[in-house]
Amino acid sequence: MRRAVLLASLGVGFLSGCGGGVALSRERLEDLRAQGVAPDSVYLVDLPGYELAEQSMSVYKDEGFQTFYYSSEGRQVWFGVDRGAFGDDVCQESPLHDAGPVTAPILCEFDEVGWYRTNGPRHEYAITDAGHVIRISGLVADVDRVRLKEAMAGVRQVAGDGVPVTSSPGGPAAGPVDR
């Protein structure tokens, strides 16, 4: 709770219950576009026990989207979307967000949701949807694999009006993936 109070005092706002289909305001979407975020790169997930930190939303790489989710205990999870392809051939070559030692091996495992990857103390899920690579990453000590997997299974793209688009059951990875 102390971390949440600190974040609030620093101006980090939370969009609670984003998993319930809460829409982003038109102003927030316009701000993201002004930063260079492509409108089709904005996705959201439900992450039980974590809240979306709306003020952390920003451009990722050239025109992608990134944000953080925080727990009341101060744990954080990174979520990012960028254009590109992902598959077995790049799984071990593409670094995890904020990965530990560069020499630590990246281990990859494909399951019904996407690629589960580990590198030192961090782990993540990566999936593809409509020409985007969508990743959710955190410390193993901060979030377990089940939560990451459940979040990615329900990932949804946010429409131009700010309303999350309902995805197919199982999320985008339930359909064809670059495998």
Protein backbone atom coordinates (compact mmCIF):
# COMPACT_ATOMS: atom_id res chain seq x y z
CA MET A 1 0.00 0.00 0.00
CA ARG A 2 2.89 2.35 0.77
CA ARG A 3 4.10 1.97 -2.84
CA ALA A 4 0.64 2.86 -4.20
CA VAL A 5 0.55 5.98 -2.04
CA LEU A 6 4.03 6.92 -3.25
CA LEU A 7 3.03 6.38 -6.87
CA ALA A 8 -0.10 8.47 -6.38
CA SER A 9 1.92 11.27 -4.84
CA LEU A 10 4.22 11.18 -7.88
CA GLY A 11 1.23 11.63 -10.18
CA VAL A 12 0.89 8.06 -11.37
CA GLY A 13 -2.80 7.42 -11.83
CA PHE A 14 -4.50 4.08 -11.95
CA LEU A 15 -7.26 2.95 -14.25
CA SER A 16 -8.89 0.41 -11.99
CA GLY A 17 -10.72 -2.56 -13.35
CA CYS A 18 -9.34 -2.14 -16.86
CA GLY A 19 -10.00 -5.82 -17.38
CA GLY A 20 -13.70 -5.20 -17.04
CA GLY A 21 -13.66 -3.32 -20.31
CA VAL A 22 -12.96 0.17 -18.97
CA ALA A 23 -12.39 2.53 -21.86
CA LEU A 24 -9.46 4.89 -22.20
CA SER A 25 -10.52 8.49 -22.57
CA ARG A 26 -10.34 10.08 -26.00
CA GLU A 27 -7.87 12.59 -24.50
CA ARG A 28 -5.58 9.77 -23.32
CA LEU A 29 -5.65 8.16 -26.75
CA GLU A 30 -4.89 11.53 -28.39
CA ASP A 31 -1.96 11.98 -26.00
CA LEU A 32 -0.62 8.55 -26.95
CA ARG A 33 -0.95 9.37 -30.65
CA ALA A 34 0.88 12.68 -30.07
CA GLN A 35 3.74 10.66 -28.53
CA GLY A 36 3.89 8.57 -31.71
CA VAL A 37 1.89 5.51 -30.66
CA ALA A 38 0.14 3.95 -33.68
CA PRO A 39 -3.62 3.72 -32.98
CA ASP A 40 -3.68 -0.02 -33.73
CA SER A 41 -0.86 -0.70 -31.22
CA VAL A 42 -2.90 -0.02 -28.08
CA TYR A 43 -3.87 -3.23 -26.30
CA LEU A 44 -4.86 -3.94 -22.68
CA VAL A 45 -4.91 -7.02 -20.46
CA ASP A 46 -6.59 -8.11 -17.25
CA LEU A 47 -4.00 -8.90 -14.61
CA PRO A 48 -5.67 -10.03 -11.37
CA GLY A 49 -4.10 -8.35 -8.36
CA TYR A 50 -2.60 -5.54 -10.46
CA GLU A 51 -3.90 -2.18 -11.63
CA LEU A 52 -3.05 -0.40 -14.86
CA ALA A 53 -0.93 2.70 -14.19
CA GLU A 54 -2.46 4.97 -16.82
CA GLN A 55 0.26 7.61 -16.45
CA SER A 56 2.90 5.05 -17.41
CA MET A 57 1.38 4.62 -20.88
CA SER A 58 3.83 5.75 -23.55
CA VAL A 59 5.35 5.09 -26.95
CA TYR A 60 7.52 1.98 -27.22
CA LYS A 61 10.25 1.85 -29.85
CA ASP A 62 9.10 3.60 -33.05
CA GLU A 63 5.31 3.51 -32.80
CA GLY A 64 4.45 0.80 -30.32
CA PHE A 65 2.76 1.03 -26.93
CA GLN A 66 3.92 0.24 -23.40
CA THR A 67 2.58 0.55 -19.88
CA PHE A 68 3.03 -0.87 -16.38
CA TYR A 69 0.67 -2.69 -14.06
CA TYR A 70 1.23 -2.36 -10.28
CA SER A 71 0.09 -4.41 -7.31
CA SER A 72 -0.85 -2.86 -3.97
CA GLU A 73 2.33 -4.49 -2.58
CA GLY A 74 4.50 -2.50 -5.00
CA ARG A 75 5.21 -5.25 -7.54
CA GLN A 76 5.25 -4.22 -11.18
CA VAL A 77 4.69 -5.87 -14.54
CA TRP A 78 5.62 -4.38 -17.90
CA PHE A 79 3.34 -4.70 -20.94
CA GLY A 80 4.45 -3.77 -24.46
CA VAL A 81 3.27 -3.93 -28.06
CA ASP A 82 5.35 -3.36 -31.19
CA ARG A 83 5.07 -4.18 -34.87
CA GLY A 84 6.84 -7.27 -36.06
CA ALA A 85 6.82 -11.02 -36.13
CA PHE A 86 7.79 -13.52 -33.50
CA GLY A 87 8.41 -17.22 -33.71
CA ASP A 88 10.58 -20.07 -32.61
CA ASP A 89 13.41 -18.71 -34.75
CA VAL A 90 13.66 -15.41 -32.79
CA CYS A 91 12.43 -16.54 -29.37
CA GLN A 92 15.91 -17.15 -27.94
CA GLU A 93 17.49 -14.20 -29.77
CA SER A 94 15.10 -11.42 -28.75
CA PRO A 95 15.89 -10.08 -25.25
CA LEU A 96 13.24 -9.91 -22.55
CA HIS A 97 12.28 -6.45 -21.36
CA ASP A 98 14.69 -5.27 -18.65
CA ALA A 99 16.45 -8.64 -18.79
CA GLY A 100 19.20 -9.54 -16.41
CA PRO A 101 22.71 -10.51 -17.40
CA VAL A 102 23.21 -10.60 -21.14
CA THR A 103 25.02 -13.89 -20.76
CA ALA A 104 22.05 -15.63 -19.11
CA PRO A 105 20.35 -17.95 -21.60
CA ILE A 106 16.83 -17.22 -22.80
CA LEU A 107 14.68 -20.32 -22.44
CA CYS A 108 11.60 -20.62 -24.65
CA GLU A 109 8.57 -22.83 -24.42
CA PHE A 110 5.54 -22.60 -26.72
CA ASP A 111 2.11 -23.45 -25.29
CA GLU A 112 -1.53 -22.84 -26.25
CA VAL A 113 -1.25 -19.10 -25.46
CA GLY A 114 2.15 -18.17 -26.88
CA TRP A 115 5.82 -18.24 -26.08
CA TYR A 116 6.75 -18.41 -22.41
CA ARG A 117 10.29 -17.12 -21.97
CA THR A 118 12.68 -16.90 -19.04
CA ASN A 119 15.96 -15.07 -18.61
CA GLY A 120 17.61 -14.90 -15.19
CA PRO A 121 15.09 -13.55 -12.65
CA ARG A 122 12.61 -12.37 -15.33
CA HIS A 123 9.97 -14.15 -17.34
CA GLU A 124 7.42 -13.16 -19.97
CA TYR A 125 4.81 -14.26 -22.45
CA ALA A 126 5.01 -13.16 -26.07
CA ILE A 127 2.22 -13.53 -28.61
CA THR A 128 1.45 -12.18 -32.05
CA ASP A 129 -1.68 -10.49 -33.35
CA ALA A 130 -2.30 -8.67 -36.63
CA GLY A 131 1.38 -7.90 -37.26
CA HIS A 132 2.11 -6.99 -33.64
CA VAL A 133 4.29 -8.67 -31.03
CA ILE A 134 2.62 -8.35 -27.62
CA ARG A 135 4.67 -9.04 -24.50
CA ILE A 136 4.04 -9.05 -20.78
CA SER A 137 7.05 -9.33 -18.49
CA GLY A 138 8.01 -9.23 -14.85
CA LEU A 139 10.23 -10.62 -12.16
CA VAL A 140 9.44 -14.22 -11.26
CA ALA A 141 9.24 -13.02 -7.64
CA ASP A 142 6.63 -10.36 -8.57
CA VAL A 143 4.20 -12.30 -10.75
CA ASP A 144 3.70 -15.98 -11.43
CA ARG A 145 3.49 -17.68 -14.80
CA VAL A 146 -0.21 -18.47 -14.40
CA ARG A 147 -1.11 -14.77 -14.07
CA LEU A 148 1.01 -13.80 -17.07
CA LYS A 149 -0.57 -16.57 -19.13
CA GLU A 150 -4.12 -15.65 -18.09
CA ALA A 151 -3.46 -12.00 -18.89
CA MET A 152 -2.22 -12.83 -22.39
CA ALA A 153 -5.11 -15.21 -23.02
CA GLY A 154 -7.48 -12.26 -22.63
CA VAL A 155 -5.47 -9.51 -24.36
CA ARG A 156 -7.60 -7.13 -26.40
CA GLN A 157 -6.96 -4.27 -28.75
CA VAL A 158 -8.35 -0.85 -27.87
CA ALA A 159 -10.45 0.69 -30.65
CA GLY A 160 -10.07 4.28 -31.82
CA ASP A 161 -12.88 5.36 -29.51
CA GLY A 162 -11.00 4.01 -26.49
CA VAL A 163 -13.22 0.99 -25.91
CA PRO A 164 -11.41 -2.37 -25.64
CA VAL A 165 -12.31 -4.65 -28.52
CA THR A 166 -13.41 -8.10 -27.41
CA SER A 167 -10.98 -10.66 -28.74
CA SER A 168 -11.64 -14.25 -29.65
CA PRO A 169 -11.73 -16.73 -26.75
CA GLY A 170 -8.17 -17.37 -25.66
CA GLY A 171 -6.93 -14.06 -27.04
CA PRO A 172 -5.15 -13.44 -30.31
CA ALA A 173 -2.78 -16.36 -29.82
CA ALA A 174 -5.75 -18.74 -30.05
CA GLY A 175 -5.72 -18.04 -33.78
CA PRO A 176 -2.83 -18.41 -36.18
CA VAL A 177 0.57 -17.45 -34.79
CA ASP A 178 3.94 -17.11 -36.47
CA ARG A 179 5.27 -20.49 -35.49
